[in-house]
Amino acid sequence: MKARRLPCTTLLLSLAVQALAQNEVLELDGKGAHVQLPGHIFDHL
């Protein structure tokens, strides 16, 4: 049974690492910096 747990654990760990690697954060300097989003970007939510 342990042989089955290892591949499953490895898969879950791999997916978690990929999710963390893709998590990007926008950092602004706080001195009048801003982000302008395209108009009507949230209309279809």
N, C-alpha and C. Protein backbone atom coordinates (compact mmCIF):
# COMPACT_ATOMS: atom_id res chain seq x y z
N MET A 1 0.82 -1.20 0.00
CA MET A 1 0.00 0.00 0.00
C MET A 1 0.86 1.26 0.00
N LYS A 2 2.02 1.21 0.62
CA LYS A 2 2.89 2.37 0.66
C LYS A 2 3.39 2.74 -0.73
N ALA A 3 3.53 1.76 -1.60
CA ALA A 3 3.99 2.05 -2.96
C ALA A 3 3.00 2.94 -3.70
N ARG A 4 1.72 2.83 -3.40
CA ARG A 4 0.72 3.68 -4.05
C ARG A 4 0.70 5.09 -3.46
N ARG A 5 1.00 5.22 -2.21
CA ARG A 5 0.99 6.54 -1.56
C ARG A 5 2.08 7.44 -2.09
N LEU A 6 3.23 6.90 -2.37
CA LEU A 6 4.35 7.72 -2.83
C LEU A 6 4.05 8.45 -4.13
N PRO A 7 3.58 7.77 -5.17
CA PRO A 7 3.27 8.51 -6.41
C PRO A 7 2.16 9.55 -6.21
N CYS A 8 1.17 9.23 -5.41
CA CYS A 8 0.08 10.17 -5.16
C CYS A 8 0.60 11.39 -4.40
N THR A 9 1.42 11.17 -3.41
CA THR A 9 2.01 12.26 -2.64
C THR A 9 2.91 13.10 -3.52
N THR A 10 3.67 12.45 -4.37
CA THR A 10 4.56 13.16 -5.28
C THR A 10 3.76 14.02 -6.25
N LEU A 11 2.65 13.49 -6.74
CA LEU A 11 1.79 14.25 -7.65
C LEU A 11 1.22 15.48 -6.95
N LEU A 12 0.71 15.30 -5.74
CA LEU A 12 0.14 16.43 -5.01
C LEU A 12 1.19 17.48 -4.70
N LEU A 13 2.37 17.05 -4.32
CA LEU A 13 3.45 17.99 -4.05
C LEU A 13 3.84 18.75 -5.30
N SER A 14 3.90 18.06 -6.42
CA SER A 14 4.24 18.69 -7.69
C SER A 14 3.20 19.75 -8.07
N LEU A 15 1.93 19.43 -7.89
CA LEU A 15 0.87 20.39 -8.21
C LEU A 15 0.93 21.60 -7.30
N ALA A 16 1.24 21.39 -6.03
CA ALA A 16 1.34 22.50 -5.08
C ALA A 16 2.49 23.41 -5.44
N VAL A 17 3.62 22.84 -5.84
CA VAL A 17 4.79 23.64 -6.22
C VAL A 17 4.48 24.45 -7.47
N GLN A 18 3.78 23.84 -8.43
CA GLN A 18 3.42 24.56 -9.65
C GLN A 18 2.49 25.72 -9.34
N ALA A 19 1.54 25.51 -8.44
CA ALA A 19 0.60 26.58 -8.08
C ALA A 19 1.33 27.73 -7.41
N LEU A 20 2.27 27.43 -6.54
CA LEU A 20 3.03 28.48 -5.87
C LEU A 20 3.93 29.22 -6.85
N ALA A 21 4.49 28.51 -7.81
CA ALA A 21 5.39 29.12 -8.78
C ALA A 21 4.63 30.09 -9.69
N GLN A 22 3.36 29.83 -9.92
CA GLN A 22 2.57 30.68 -10.81
C GLN A 22 1.92 31.85 -10.08
N ASN A 23 2.01 31.87 -8.78
CA ASN A 23 1.40 32.94 -8.00
C ASN A 23 2.31 34.16 -8.03
N GLU A 24 1.93 35.14 -8.80
CA GLU A 24 2.73 36.35 -8.93
C GLU A 24 2.02 37.51 -8.25
N VAL A 25 2.77 38.39 -7.66
CA VAL A 25 2.21 39.53 -6.94
C VAL A 25 2.71 40.81 -7.58
N LEU A 26 1.80 41.74 -7.76
CA LEU A 26 2.17 43.05 -8.26
C LEU A 26 2.57 43.91 -7.07
N GLU A 27 3.76 44.44 -7.11
CA GLU A 27 4.23 45.29 -6.03
C GLU A 27 4.36 46.72 -6.54
N LEU A 28 3.68 47.63 -5.84
CA LEU A 28 3.76 49.04 -6.18
C LEU A 28 4.57 49.75 -5.10
N ASP A 29 5.23 50.82 -5.47
CA ASP A 29 6.11 51.50 -4.51
C ASP A 29 5.35 52.37 -3.50
N GLY A 30 4.05 52.60 -3.71
CA GLY A 30 3.27 53.37 -2.76
C GLY A 30 3.40 54.87 -2.93
N LYS A 31 4.07 55.34 -3.95
CA LYS A 31 4.28 56.77 -4.17
C LYS A 31 3.48 57.23 -5.39
N GLY A 32 2.16 57.12 -5.27
CA GLY A 32 1.30 57.53 -6.38
C GLY A 32 1.16 56.46 -7.46
N ALA A 33 1.72 55.29 -7.23
CA ALA A 33 1.62 54.22 -8.21
C ALA A 33 0.20 53.64 -8.21
N HIS A 34 -0.26 53.26 -9.36
CA HIS A 34 -1.60 52.66 -9.46
C HIS A 34 -1.66 51.74 -10.68
N VAL A 35 -2.73 50.99 -10.73
CA VAL A 35 -2.98 50.10 -11.86
C VAL A 35 -4.32 50.49 -12.45
N GLN A 36 -4.38 50.62 -13.74
CA GLN A 36 -5.63 50.94 -14.41
C GLN A 36 -6.08 49.70 -15.17
N LEU A 37 -7.24 49.19 -14.81
CA LEU A 37 -7.79 48.01 -15.48
C LEU A 37 -8.61 48.44 -16.68
N PRO A 38 -8.72 47.57 -17.66
CA PRO A 38 -9.54 47.88 -18.83
C PRO A 38 -11.00 48.09 -18.41
N GLY A 39 -11.68 48.98 -19.11
CA GLY A 39 -13.08 49.24 -18.81
C GLY A 39 -13.94 48.01 -18.99
N HIS A 40 -14.93 47.86 -18.15
CA HIS A 40 -15.93 46.77 -18.22
C HIS A 40 -15.31 45.38 -18.05
N ILE A 41 -14.19 45.28 -17.35
CA ILE A 41 -13.51 44.00 -17.20
C ILE A 41 -14.33 43.02 -16.37
N PHE A 42 -15.17 43.54 -15.46
CA PHE A 42 -15.94 42.65 -14.58
C PHE A 42 -17.42 42.55 -14.96
N ASP A 43 -17.78 42.96 -16.15
CA ASP A 43 -19.19 42.96 -16.55
C ASP A 43 -19.80 41.57 -16.61
N HIS A 44 -19.01 40.58 -16.92
CA HIS A 44 -19.57 39.22 -17.12
C HIS A 44 -19.42 38.32 -15.90
N LEU A 45 -19.11 38.89 -14.75
CA LEU A 45 -18.98 38.06 -13.55
C LEU A 45 -20.31 37.87 -12.86
